[in-house]
Amino acid sequence: MSEDGPTPGDGPGDVPRAEPGPGPAPGDVAEDASAGRARERRPLWIAVVLLLAGAGALWGASAVTWDDAAGRDGGGAPPALVPLALLCLAAIAAVVAMGGWVRRVLGAVVLLAGVAAAFQLVGAAGPVVGQALVVAGAALVVAAGALLLVRGAAMPRLGGGYQTPGAARRTADPERELWNSLERGDDPTARD
């Protein structure tokens, strides 16, 4: 209680009001934004690594001697393993370059390629190493396809930050707009 009488927050039932504290520091906002962009990019790189590992496993399975009568590397291996591995490698470039619904369609194609790789084992008798490589490659490709189907549209696109000035979107956040203008090369100190 003050000398002039009761003030709000002095009574027994009143709760003192907290003074508003300082907002987040500018460095904290920048760190949060960069962490958000890193989280957006993470599924993209996971999909790329899964496709690369799947292609490597399928390629390795094609190099294993499947038929002892052939007497050479890759003899008797299911013939579709190399084309499926090449499809996975091509999908890496497409995943990085494309975005939106096109990436989801690509995810469906990649998922089907993984299923096709798994079906290469049906009726194929071969060494355990070759079969294990096909199963591992198919699982990795299916996982990449599923990731692209679920999160493909939200992943960043190659060159997405380098838009023409006319195509750049205006944001409601003035701080973000300042960073966008700096990225475009505008000088914020030269404003009239």
N, C-alpha and C. Protein backbone atom coordinates (compact mmCIF):
# COMPACT_ATOMS: atom_id res chain seq x y z
N MET A 1 0.85 -1.17 0.00
CA MET A 1 0.00 0.00 0.00
C MET A 1 0.89 1.23 0.00
N SER A 2 0.48 2.25 -0.72
CA SER A 2 1.28 3.47 -0.80
C SER A 2 0.70 4.51 0.15
N GLU A 3 1.38 5.63 0.27
CA GLU A 3 0.94 6.68 1.19
C GLU A 3 -0.34 7.33 0.69
N ASP A 4 -0.57 7.37 -0.60
CA ASP A 4 -1.74 8.03 -1.15
C ASP A 4 -2.98 7.16 -1.07
N GLY A 5 -2.85 5.94 -0.69
CA GLY A 5 -3.99 5.05 -0.62
C GLY A 5 -3.70 3.78 -1.39
N PRO A 6 -4.71 2.95 -1.43
CA PRO A 6 -4.48 1.66 -2.09
C PRO A 6 -4.32 1.86 -3.60
N THR A 7 -3.46 1.09 -4.15
CA THR A 7 -3.26 1.08 -5.60
C THR A 7 -3.57 -0.32 -6.10
N PRO A 8 -3.93 -0.44 -7.33
CA PRO A 8 -4.20 -1.77 -7.86
C PRO A 8 -2.97 -2.65 -7.68
N GLY A 9 -3.23 -3.83 -7.18
CA GLY A 9 -2.13 -4.76 -6.96
C GLY A 9 -1.66 -4.78 -5.53
N ASP A 10 -2.17 -3.85 -4.64
CA ASP A 10 -1.75 -3.80 -3.25
C ASP A 10 -2.69 -4.57 -2.34
N GLY A 11 -3.90 -4.84 -2.79
CA GLY A 11 -4.87 -5.49 -1.93
C GLY A 11 -4.58 -6.97 -1.76
N PRO A 12 -5.27 -7.58 -0.77
CA PRO A 12 -5.00 -8.98 -0.51
C PRO A 12 -5.41 -9.90 -1.67
N GLY A 13 -6.43 -9.54 -2.43
CA GLY A 13 -6.86 -10.41 -3.53
C GLY A 13 -6.25 -10.03 -4.87
N ASP A 14 -5.57 -8.89 -4.88
CA ASP A 14 -5.00 -8.43 -6.14
C ASP A 14 -3.65 -9.09 -6.39
N VAL A 15 -3.44 -9.38 -7.62
CA VAL A 15 -2.15 -9.96 -8.02
C VAL A 15 -1.35 -8.85 -8.67
N PRO A 16 -0.12 -8.67 -8.22
CA PRO A 16 0.68 -7.61 -8.82
C PRO A 16 0.93 -7.91 -10.29
N ARG A 17 0.87 -6.84 -11.07
CA ARG A 17 1.12 -7.00 -12.50
C ARG A 17 2.61 -7.04 -12.76
N ALA A 18 2.98 -7.93 -13.64
CA ALA A 18 4.40 -8.04 -13.99
C ALA A 18 4.71 -7.00 -15.05
N GLU A 19 5.85 -6.43 -14.92
CA GLU A 19 6.30 -5.47 -15.92
C GLU A 19 6.69 -6.23 -17.18
N PRO A 20 6.31 -5.69 -18.32
CA PRO A 20 6.71 -6.39 -19.55
C PRO A 20 8.22 -6.39 -19.70
N GLY A 21 8.76 -7.55 -19.98
CA GLY A 21 10.20 -7.70 -20.13
C GLY A 21 10.62 -7.36 -21.55
N PRO A 22 11.88 -7.32 -21.75
CA PRO A 22 12.35 -7.02 -23.10
C PRO A 22 12.00 -8.18 -24.03
N GLY A 23 11.75 -7.86 -25.28
CA GLY A 23 11.44 -8.88 -26.29
C GLY A 23 12.69 -9.67 -26.64
N PRO A 24 12.56 -10.57 -27.56
CA PRO A 24 13.73 -11.35 -27.93
C PRO A 24 14.78 -10.46 -28.59
N ALA A 25 16.00 -10.77 -28.31
CA ALA A 25 17.10 -10.01 -28.89
C ALA A 25 17.14 -10.25 -30.40
N PRO A 26 17.62 -9.28 -31.17
CA PRO A 26 17.67 -9.46 -32.63
C PRO A 26 18.45 -10.70 -33.04
N GLY A 27 19.48 -11.04 -32.32
CA GLY A 27 20.26 -12.24 -32.63
C GLY A 27 19.44 -13.51 -32.43
N ASP A 28 18.54 -13.49 -31.42
CA ASP A 28 17.70 -14.65 -31.15
C ASP A 28 16.73 -14.88 -32.30
N VAL A 29 16.18 -13.81 -32.85
CA VAL A 29 15.23 -13.93 -33.96
C VAL A 29 15.94 -14.50 -35.17
N ALA A 30 17.15 -14.01 -35.44
CA ALA A 30 17.91 -14.51 -36.59
C ALA A 30 18.26 -15.98 -36.40
N GLU A 31 18.64 -16.35 -35.17
CA GLU A 31 18.97 -17.75 -34.89
C GLU A 31 17.74 -18.64 -35.05
N ASP A 32 16.57 -18.16 -34.58
CA ASP A 32 15.34 -18.94 -34.73
C ASP A 32 14.99 -19.11 -36.20
N ALA A 33 15.16 -18.06 -37.00
CA ALA A 33 14.84 -18.15 -38.43
C ALA A 33 15.79 -19.11 -39.14
N SER A 34 17.08 -19.04 -38.80
CA SER A 34 18.02 -19.95 -39.46
C SER A 34 17.80 -21.39 -39.02
N ALA A 35 17.40 -21.59 -37.77
CA ALA A 35 17.09 -22.95 -37.30
C ALA A 35 15.85 -23.47 -38.00
N GLY A 36 14.86 -22.61 -38.26
CA GLY A 36 13.66 -23.01 -38.98
C GLY A 36 13.97 -23.41 -40.42
N ARG A 37 14.86 -22.63 -41.07
CA ARG A 37 15.25 -22.98 -42.44
C ARG A 37 16.03 -24.29 -42.45
N ALA A 38 16.86 -24.53 -41.45
CA ALA A 38 17.62 -25.77 -41.39
C ALA A 38 16.67 -26.96 -41.20
N ARG A 39 15.61 -26.78 -40.39
CA ARG A 39 14.64 -27.86 -40.20
C ARG A 39 13.88 -28.14 -41.49
N GLU A 40 13.62 -27.09 -42.29
CA GLU A 40 12.93 -27.29 -43.57
C GLU A 40 13.82 -28.05 -44.54
N ARG A 41 15.13 -27.79 -44.52
CA ARG A 41 16.04 -28.44 -45.45
C ARG A 41 16.37 -29.87 -45.05
N ARG A 42 16.27 -30.18 -43.77
CA ARG A 42 16.69 -31.49 -43.30
C ARG A 42 15.98 -32.64 -44.02
N PRO A 43 14.66 -32.65 -44.19
CA PRO A 43 14.04 -33.76 -44.93
C PRO A 43 14.52 -33.86 -46.37
N LEU A 44 14.87 -32.74 -46.98
CA LEU A 44 15.38 -32.77 -48.35
C LEU A 44 16.68 -33.55 -48.40
N TRP A 45 17.58 -33.25 -47.49
CA TRP A 45 18.87 -33.94 -47.51
C TRP A 45 18.73 -35.38 -47.05
N ILE A 46 17.78 -35.66 -46.19
CA ILE A 46 17.53 -37.05 -45.81
C ILE A 46 17.06 -37.84 -47.02
N ALA A 47 16.16 -37.26 -47.81
CA ALA A 47 15.67 -37.93 -49.02
C ALA A 47 16.81 -38.15 -50.01
N VAL A 48 17.68 -37.16 -50.17
CA VAL A 48 18.81 -37.30 -51.09
C VAL A 48 19.75 -38.42 -50.63
N VAL A 49 20.05 -38.46 -49.34
CA VAL A 49 20.95 -39.50 -48.82
C VAL A 49 20.30 -40.88 -48.96
N LEU A 50 19.00 -40.99 -48.67
CA LEU A 50 18.31 -42.27 -48.83
C LEU A 50 18.35 -42.74 -50.28
N LEU A 51 18.12 -41.84 -51.22
CA LEU A 51 18.17 -42.21 -52.64
C LEU A 51 19.57 -42.61 -53.06
N LEU A 52 20.57 -41.90 -52.59
CA LEU A 52 21.96 -42.22 -52.94
C LEU A 52 22.35 -43.59 -52.37
N ALA A 53 22.00 -43.83 -51.12
CA ALA A 53 22.33 -45.12 -50.51
C ALA A 53 21.55 -46.25 -51.17
N GLY A 54 20.28 -46.02 -51.50
CA GLY A 54 19.49 -47.03 -52.19
C GLY A 54 20.04 -47.36 -53.56
N ALA A 55 20.46 -46.32 -54.31
CA ALA A 55 21.06 -46.55 -55.62
C ALA A 55 22.36 -47.34 -55.49
N GLY A 56 23.16 -47.00 -54.49
CA GLY A 56 24.41 -47.72 -54.27
C GLY A 56 24.17 -49.19 -53.93
N ALA A 57 23.17 -49.45 -53.09
CA ALA A 57 22.87 -50.84 -52.72
C ALA A 57 22.37 -51.63 -53.92
N LEU A 58 21.50 -51.03 -54.74
CA LEU A 58 21.00 -51.72 -55.92
C LEU A 58 22.12 -51.96 -56.93
N TRP A 59 22.98 -50.98 -57.10
CA TRP A 59 24.12 -51.12 -58.01
C TRP A 59 25.05 -52.22 -57.49
N GLY A 60 25.31 -52.22 -56.20
CA GLY A 60 26.16 -53.26 -55.61
C GLY A 60 25.57 -54.65 -55.77
N ALA A 61 24.25 -54.74 -55.64
CA ALA A 61 23.59 -56.04 -55.81
C ALA A 61 23.71 -56.53 -57.25
N SER A 62 23.74 -55.62 -58.19
CA SER A 62 23.88 -56.03 -59.59
C SER A 62 25.29 -56.51 -59.90
N ALA A 63 26.27 -56.12 -59.09
CA ALA A 63 27.66 -56.52 -59.32
C ALA A 63 28.00 -57.86 -58.68
N VAL A 64 27.13 -58.38 -57.84
CA VAL A 64 27.37 -59.67 -57.18
C VAL A 64 27.08 -60.79 -58.17
N THR A 65 27.87 -61.85 -58.11
CA THR A 65 27.64 -63.00 -58.98
C THR A 65 26.44 -63.77 -58.45
N TRP A 66 25.35 -63.77 -59.21
CA TRP A 66 24.12 -64.44 -58.80
C TRP A 66 24.06 -65.86 -59.34
N ASP A 67 24.71 -66.10 -60.44
CA ASP A 67 24.66 -67.41 -61.07
C ASP A 67 26.09 -67.91 -61.23
N ASP A 68 26.43 -69.01 -60.55
CA ASP A 68 27.79 -69.53 -60.61
C ASP A 68 28.14 -70.01 -62.01
N ALA A 69 27.15 -70.41 -62.80
CA ALA A 69 27.42 -70.90 -64.15
C ALA A 69 27.89 -69.76 -65.05
N ALA A 70 27.50 -68.51 -64.75
CA ALA A 70 27.89 -67.38 -65.60
C ALA A 70 29.37 -67.08 -65.45
N GLY A 71 29.92 -67.26 -64.23
CA GLY A 71 31.34 -67.10 -63.98
C GLY A 71 31.86 -65.68 -64.13
N ARG A 72 31.05 -64.69 -64.04
CA ARG A 72 31.52 -63.30 -64.10
C ARG A 72 30.71 -62.47 -63.11
N ASP A 73 31.21 -61.29 -62.81
CA ASP A 73 30.49 -60.42 -61.87
C ASP A 73 29.15 -60.02 -62.46
N GLY A 74 28.14 -60.05 -61.64
CA GLY A 74 26.82 -59.64 -62.08
C GLY A 74 26.11 -60.70 -62.89
N GLY A 75 26.70 -61.87 -63.05
CA GLY A 75 26.08 -62.91 -63.84
C GLY A 75 24.80 -63.40 -63.20
N GLY A 76 23.73 -63.43 -63.95
CA GLY A 76 22.46 -63.93 -63.46
C GLY A 76 21.72 -62.98 -62.54
N ALA A 77 22.22 -61.77 -62.33
CA ALA A 77 21.55 -60.80 -61.47
C ALA A 77 20.26 -60.36 -62.14
N PRO A 78 19.24 -60.05 -61.34
CA PRO A 78 18.00 -59.53 -61.95
C PRO A 78 18.34 -58.33 -62.83
N PRO A 79 17.85 -58.31 -64.07
CA PRO A 79 18.29 -57.28 -65.03
C PRO A 79 17.82 -55.87 -64.71
N ALA A 80 16.82 -55.70 -63.88
CA ALA A 80 16.28 -54.35 -63.64
C ALA A 80 17.02 -53.60 -62.53
N LEU A 81 18.00 -54.20 -61.90
CA LEU A 81 18.67 -53.54 -60.78
C LEU A 81 19.45 -52.29 -61.22
N VAL A 82 20.18 -52.40 -62.32
CA VAL A 82 20.96 -51.25 -62.79
C VAL A 82 20.04 -50.11 -63.25
N PRO A 83 19.00 -50.37 -64.05
CA PRO A 83 18.10 -49.25 -64.41
C PRO A 83 17.41 -48.62 -63.19
N LEU A 84 17.05 -49.42 -62.20
CA LEU A 84 16.43 -48.86 -61.00
C LEU A 84 17.43 -48.00 -60.22
N ALA A 85 18.70 -48.43 -60.18
CA ALA A 85 19.73 -47.63 -59.51
C ALA A 85 19.93 -46.31 -60.25
N LEU A 86 19.93 -46.36 -61.58
CA LEU A 86 20.07 -45.13 -62.37
C LEU A 86 18.86 -44.21 -62.19
N LEU A 87 17.68 -44.79 -62.07
CA LEU A 87 16.48 -44.00 -61.81
C LEU A 87 16.60 -43.28 -60.48
N CYS A 88 17.14 -43.94 -59.48
CA CYS A 88 17.32 -43.31 -58.16
C CYS A 88 18.32 -42.16 -58.24
N LEU A 89 19.38 -42.34 -59.02
CA LEU A 89 20.35 -41.26 -59.17
C LEU A 89 19.74 -40.07 -59.91
N ALA A 90 18.94 -40.33 -60.92
CA ALA A 90 18.27 -39.24 -61.63
C ALA A 90 17.24 -38.56 -60.74
N ALA A 91 16.62 -39.33 -59.86
CA ALA A 91 15.62 -38.76 -58.95
C ALA A 91 16.27 -37.78 -57.98
N ILE A 92 17.54 -37.97 -57.66
CA ILE A 92 18.22 -37.04 -56.76
C ILE A 92 18.24 -35.64 -57.37
N ALA A 93 18.61 -35.55 -58.64
CA ALA A 93 18.64 -34.25 -59.30
C ALA A 93 17.24 -33.64 -59.38
N ALA A 94 16.25 -34.48 -59.65
CA ALA A 94 14.88 -33.98 -59.76
C ALA A 94 14.35 -33.51 -58.41
N VAL A 95 14.68 -34.22 -57.35
CA VAL A 95 14.21 -33.85 -56.00
C VAL A 95 14.75 -32.49 -55.61
N VAL A 96 16.02 -32.25 -55.91
CA VAL A 96 16.64 -30.99 -55.52
C VAL A 96 16.11 -29.83 -56.37
N ALA A 97 15.84 -30.08 -57.65
CA ALA A 97 15.46 -29.00 -58.55
C ALA A 97 13.97 -28.67 -58.53
N MET A 98 13.13 -29.64 -58.27
CA MET A 98 11.69 -29.42 -58.36
C MET A 98 11.10 -29.14 -56.99
N GLY A 99 9.85 -28.73 -56.99
CA GLY A 99 9.18 -28.44 -55.74
C GLY A 99 7.68 -28.62 -55.88
N GLY A 100 6.99 -28.49 -54.77
CA GLY A 100 5.53 -28.55 -54.77
C GLY A 100 4.97 -29.91 -55.10
N TRP A 101 3.86 -29.89 -55.84
CA TRP A 101 3.16 -31.14 -56.16
C TRP A 101 3.98 -32.02 -57.10
N VAL A 102 4.88 -31.43 -57.90
CA VAL A 102 5.72 -32.22 -58.80
C VAL A 102 6.63 -33.13 -57.99
N ARG A 103 7.12 -32.62 -56.86
CA ARG A 103 7.98 -33.43 -56.01
C ARG A 103 7.18 -34.58 -55.38
N ARG A 104 5.92 -34.34 -55.09
CA ARG A 104 5.09 -35.43 -54.56
C ARG A 104 4.86 -36.51 -55.60
N VAL A 105 4.64 -36.11 -56.85
CA VAL A 105 4.50 -37.09 -57.93
C VAL A 105 5.79 -37.89 -58.09
N LEU A 106 6.92 -37.19 -58.00
CA LEU A 106 8.21 -37.86 -58.06
C LEU A 106 8.36 -38.83 -56.88
N GLY A 107 7.84 -38.46 -55.72
CA GLY A 107 7.87 -39.36 -54.56
C GLY A 107 7.10 -40.64 -54.84
N ALA A 108 5.96 -40.53 -55.53
CA ALA A 108 5.19 -41.73 -55.89
C ALA A 108 5.97 -42.61 -56.86
N VAL A 109 6.65 -41.98 -57.82
CA VAL A 109 7.46 -42.75 -58.78
C VAL A 109 8.61 -43.45 -58.05
N VAL A 110 9.27 -42.75 -57.14
CA VAL A 110 10.37 -43.33 -56.38
C VAL A 110 9.86 -44.47 -55.50
N LEU A 111 8.71 -44.29 -54.89
CA LEU A 111 8.12 -45.35 -54.07
C LEU A 111 7.84 -46.59 -54.90
N LEU A 112 7.29 -46.40 -56.09
CA LEU A 112 7.03 -47.53 -56.99
C LEU A 112 8.34 -48.18 -57.44
N ALA A 113 9.39 -47.40 -57.64
CA ALA A 113 10.69 -47.96 -58.01
C ALA A 113 11.24 -48.83 -56.89
N GLY A 114 11.04 -48.42 -55.66
CA GLY A 114 11.49 -49.24 -54.52
C GLY A 114 10.72 -50.54 -54.43
N VAL A 115 9.42 -50.48 -54.69
CA VAL A 115 8.60 -51.71 -54.68
C VAL A 115 9.04 -52.62 -55.83
N ALA A 116 9.32 -52.02 -56.99
CA ALA A 116 9.79 -52.81 -58.14
C ALA A 116 11.12 -53.47 -57.83
N ALA A 117 11.99 -52.78 -57.12
CA ALA A 117 13.28 -53.36 -56.73
C ALA A 117 13.07 -54.55 -55.80
N ALA A 118 12.12 -54.44 -54.89
CA ALA A 118 11.84 -55.56 -53.97
C ALA A 118 11.29 -56.76 -54.72
N PHE A 119 10.48 -56.51 -55.76
CA PHE A 119 9.92 -57.61 -56.54
C PHE A 119 10.95 -58.30 -57.41
N GLN A 120 12.13 -57.74 -57.54
CA GLN A 120 13.19 -58.41 -58.31
C GLN A 120 13.65 -59.69 -57.63
N LEU A 121 13.37 -59.81 -56.35
CA LEU A 121 13.78 -61.01 -55.62
C LEU A 121 12.79 -62.16 -55.77
N VAL A 122 11.60 -61.88 -56.26
CA VAL A 122 10.59 -62.93 -56.40
C VAL A 122 11.07 -63.92 -57.46
N GLY A 123 11.29 -65.14 -57.05
CA GLY A 123 11.72 -66.20 -57.95
C GLY A 123 13.19 -66.14 -58.32
N ALA A 124 13.96 -65.22 -57.75
CA ALA A 124 15.39 -65.14 -58.06
C ALA A 124 16.18 -65.82 -56.94
N ALA A 125 16.87 -66.87 -57.31
CA ALA A 125 17.73 -67.55 -56.34
C ALA A 125 19.12 -66.97 -56.49
N GLY A 126 19.66 -66.50 -55.43
CA GLY A 126 20.99 -65.89 -55.51
C GLY A 126 21.66 -65.91 -54.16
N PRO A 127 22.85 -65.34 -54.11
CA PRO A 127 23.59 -65.32 -52.85
C PRO A 127 22.89 -64.43 -51.82
N VAL A 128 23.15 -64.72 -50.58
CA VAL A 128 22.54 -63.97 -49.48
C VAL A 128 22.97 -62.50 -49.53
N VAL A 129 24.22 -62.26 -49.90
CA VAL A 129 24.72 -60.89 -49.96
C VAL A 129 23.94 -60.09 -51.00
N GLY A 130 23.73 -60.67 -52.17
CA GLY A 130 22.98 -59.99 -53.23
C GLY A 130 21.55 -59.73 -52.82
N GLN A 131 20.92 -60.71 -52.21
CA GLN A 131 19.53 -60.53 -51.77
C GLN A 131 19.43 -59.48 -50.67
N ALA A 132 20.40 -59.48 -49.76
CA ALA A 132 20.39 -58.48 -48.68
C ALA A 132 20.58 -57.07 -49.24
N LEU A 133 21.44 -56.93 -50.25
CA LEU A 133 21.63 -55.61 -50.86
C LEU A 133 20.37 -55.14 -51.58
N VAL A 134 19.66 -56.06 -52.23
CA VAL A 134 18.42 -55.68 -52.90
C VAL A 134 17.37 -55.26 -51.88
N VAL A 135 17.25 -56.02 -50.79
CA VAL A 135 16.27 -55.68 -49.76
C VAL A 135 16.61 -54.32 -49.13
N ALA A 136 17.89 -54.11 -48.82
CA ALA A 136 18.30 -52.83 -48.22
C ALA A 136 18.06 -51.69 -49.18
N GLY A 137 18.44 -51.86 -50.45
CA GLY A 137 18.24 -50.81 -51.44
C GLY A 137 16.77 -50.49 -51.64
N ALA A 138 15.94 -51.55 -51.72
CA ALA A 138 14.50 -51.34 -51.90
C ALA A 138 13.91 -50.60 -50.69
N ALA A 139 14.33 -50.98 -49.49
CA ALA A 139 13.81 -50.32 -48.29
C ALA A 139 14.21 -48.84 -48.25
N LEU A 140 15.45 -48.54 -48.63
CA LEU A 140 15.91 -47.15 -48.64
C LEU A 140 15.15 -46.32 -49.68
N VAL A 141 14.92 -46.90 -50.84
CA VAL A 141 14.21 -46.18 -51.90
C VAL A 141 12.74 -45.97 -51.52
N VAL A 142 12.13 -46.99 -50.92
CA VAL A 142 10.73 -46.84 -50.47
C VAL A 142 10.64 -45.76 -49.39
N ALA A 143 11.61 -45.73 -48.47
CA ALA A 143 11.60 -44.70 -47.42
C ALA A 143 11.75 -43.31 -48.02
N ALA A 144 12.62 -43.16 -49.03
CA ALA A 144 12.78 -41.86 -49.68
C ALA A 144 11.50 -41.46 -50.40
N GLY A 145 10.85 -42.40 -51.07
CA GLY A 145 9.60 -42.10 -51.75
C GLY A 145 8.50 -41.69 -50.79
N ALA A 146 8.41 -42.39 -49.66
CA ALA A 146 7.40 -42.05 -48.66
C ALA A 146 7.65 -40.67 -48.07
N LEU A 147 8.92 -40.35 -47.82
CA LEU A 147 9.27 -39.02 -47.29
C LEU A 147 8.90 -37.93 -48.28
N LEU A 148 9.15 -38.18 -49.57
CA LEU A 148 8.81 -37.20 -50.59
C LEU A 148 7.29 -37.04 -50.73
N LEU A 149 6.57 -38.13 -50.58
CA LEU A 149 5.11 -38.04 -50.66
C LEU A 149 4.54 -37.22 -49.51
N VAL A 150 5.07 -37.45 -48.31
CA VAL A 150 4.51 -36.80 -47.12
C VAL A 150 5.00 -35.36 -46.99
N ARG A 151 6.30 -35.13 -47.15
CA ARG A 151 6.88 -33.81 -46.88
C ARG A 151 7.41 -33.10 -48.12
N GLY A 152 7.23 -33.68 -49.29
CA GLY A 152 7.83 -33.14 -50.51
C GLY A 152 7.46 -31.71 -50.83
N ALA A 153 6.20 -31.36 -50.66
CA ALA A 153 5.76 -30.01 -51.01
C ALA A 153 6.31 -28.96 -50.06
N ALA A 154 6.63 -29.34 -48.82
CA ALA A 154 7.12 -28.37 -47.84
C ALA A 154 8.64 -28.18 -47.90
N MET A 155 9.33 -29.04 -48.63
CA MET A 155 10.78 -28.93 -48.70
C MET A 155 11.19 -27.76 -49.60
N PRO A 156 12.31 -27.11 -49.27
CA PRO A 156 12.74 -25.99 -50.10
C PRO A 156 13.21 -26.46 -51.47
N ARG A 157 13.15 -25.56 -52.42
CA ARG A 157 13.56 -25.87 -53.79
C ARG A 157 14.89 -25.21 -54.07
N LEU A 158 15.68 -25.81 -54.94
CA LEU A 158 16.95 -25.24 -55.32
C LEU A 158 16.73 -23.86 -55.94
N GLY A 159 17.40 -22.86 -55.42
CA GLY A 159 17.26 -21.51 -55.95
C GLY A 159 15.99 -20.82 -55.53
N GLY A 160 15.27 -21.37 -54.56
CA GLY A 160 14.02 -20.76 -54.12
C GLY A 160 14.22 -19.39 -53.48
N GLY A 161 15.39 -19.12 -52.94
CA GLY A 161 15.67 -17.83 -52.32
C GLY A 161 16.12 -16.78 -53.31
N TYR A 162 16.35 -17.19 -54.56
CA TYR A 162 16.85 -16.27 -55.57
C TYR A 162 15.76 -16.00 -56.59
N GLN A 163 14.77 -15.25 -56.19
CA GLN A 163 13.67 -14.90 -57.06
C GLN A 163 13.93 -13.54 -57.67
N THR A 164 13.26 -13.27 -58.77
CA THR A 164 13.36 -11.95 -59.37
C THR A 164 12.67 -10.96 -58.44
N PRO A 165 13.07 -9.69 -58.48
CA PRO A 165 12.44 -8.73 -57.57
C PRO A 165 10.93 -8.65 -57.73
N GLY A 166 10.42 -8.80 -58.95
CA GLY A 166 8.97 -8.73 -59.16
C GLY A 166 8.25 -9.93 -58.59
N ALA A 167 8.93 -11.07 -58.49
CA ALA A 167 8.30 -12.28 -58.00
C ALA A 167 8.44 -12.45 -56.49
N ALA A 168 9.26 -11.63 -55.87
CA ALA A 168 9.46 -11.75 -54.42
C ALA A 168 8.16 -11.42 -53.70
N ARG A 169 7.82 -12.23 -52.74
CA ARG A 169 6.58 -12.01 -51.99
C ARG A 169 6.78 -10.98 -50.90
N ARG A 170 5.75 -10.19 -50.68
CA ARG A 170 5.77 -9.23 -49.58
C ARG A 170 5.29 -9.94 -48.33
N THR A 171 5.96 -9.72 -47.25
CA THR A 171 5.57 -10.35 -45.99
C THR A 171 5.01 -9.30 -45.06
N ALA A 172 4.27 -9.77 -44.07
CA ALA A 172 3.69 -8.86 -43.08
C ALA A 172 4.73 -8.47 -42.03
N ASP A 173 5.84 -9.19 -41.97
CA ASP A 173 6.86 -8.94 -40.98
C ASP A 173 7.85 -7.90 -41.52
N PRO A 174 7.89 -6.70 -40.93
CA PRO A 174 8.78 -5.66 -41.45
C PRO A 174 10.26 -6.05 -41.32
N GLU A 175 10.59 -6.80 -40.29
CA GLU A 175 11.98 -7.21 -40.11
C GLU A 175 12.39 -8.17 -41.22
N ARG A 176 11.51 -9.09 -41.58
CA ARG A 176 11.79 -10.03 -42.67
C ARG A 176 11.87 -9.28 -44.01
N GLU A 177 11.03 -8.28 -44.18
CA GLU A 177 11.05 -7.48 -45.40
C GLU A 177 12.38 -6.73 -45.52
N LEU A 178 12.93 -6.28 -44.41
CA LEU A 178 14.23 -5.62 -44.43
C LEU A 178 15.31 -6.59 -44.90
N TRP A 179 15.29 -7.82 -44.38
CA TRP A 179 16.26 -8.83 -44.82
C TRP A 179 16.07 -9.16 -46.30
N ASN A 180 14.82 -9.25 -46.75
CA ASN A 180 14.56 -9.51 -48.18
C ASN A 180 15.13 -8.40 -49.05
N SER A 181 14.97 -7.14 -48.61
CA SER A 181 15.50 -6.03 -49.40
C SER A 181 17.03 -6.06 -49.42
N LEU A 182 17.65 -6.44 -48.31
CA LEU A 182 19.10 -6.58 -48.29
C LEU A 182 19.57 -7.68 -49.24
N GLU A 183 18.83 -8.80 -49.28
CA GLU A 183 19.16 -9.89 -50.19
C GLU A 183 19.04 -9.46 -51.65
N ARG A 184 18.07 -8.58 -51.93
CA ARG A 184 17.89 -8.08 -53.30
C ARG A 184 18.96 -7.07 -53.66
N GLY A 185 19.68 -6.55 -52.67
CA GLY A 185 20.72 -5.57 -52.94
C GLY A 185 20.29 -4.14 -52.71
N ASP A 186 19.10 -3.93 -52.15
CA ASP A 186 18.62 -2.58 -51.86
C ASP A 186 19.36 -2.04 -50.64
N ASP A 187 19.62 -0.73 -50.65
CA ASP A 187 20.27 -0.08 -49.52
C ASP A 187 19.21 0.55 -48.63
N PRO A 188 18.98 0.02 -47.42
CA PRO A 188 17.92 0.57 -46.56
C PRO A 188 18.26 1.97 -46.03
N THR A 189 19.51 2.37 -46.08
CA THR A 189 19.87 3.71 -45.58
C THR A 189 19.63 4.79 -46.64
N ALA A 190 19.37 4.40 -47.87
CA ALA A 190 19.18 5.37 -48.95
C ALA A 190 17.71 5.70 -49.17
N ARG A 191 16.87 5.41 -48.21
CA ARG A 191 15.43 5.69 -48.36
C ARG A 191 15.16 7.17 -48.20
N ASP A 192 14.19 7.68 -48.96
CA ASP A 192 13.84 9.10 -48.89
C ASP A 192 12.75 9.35 -47.90
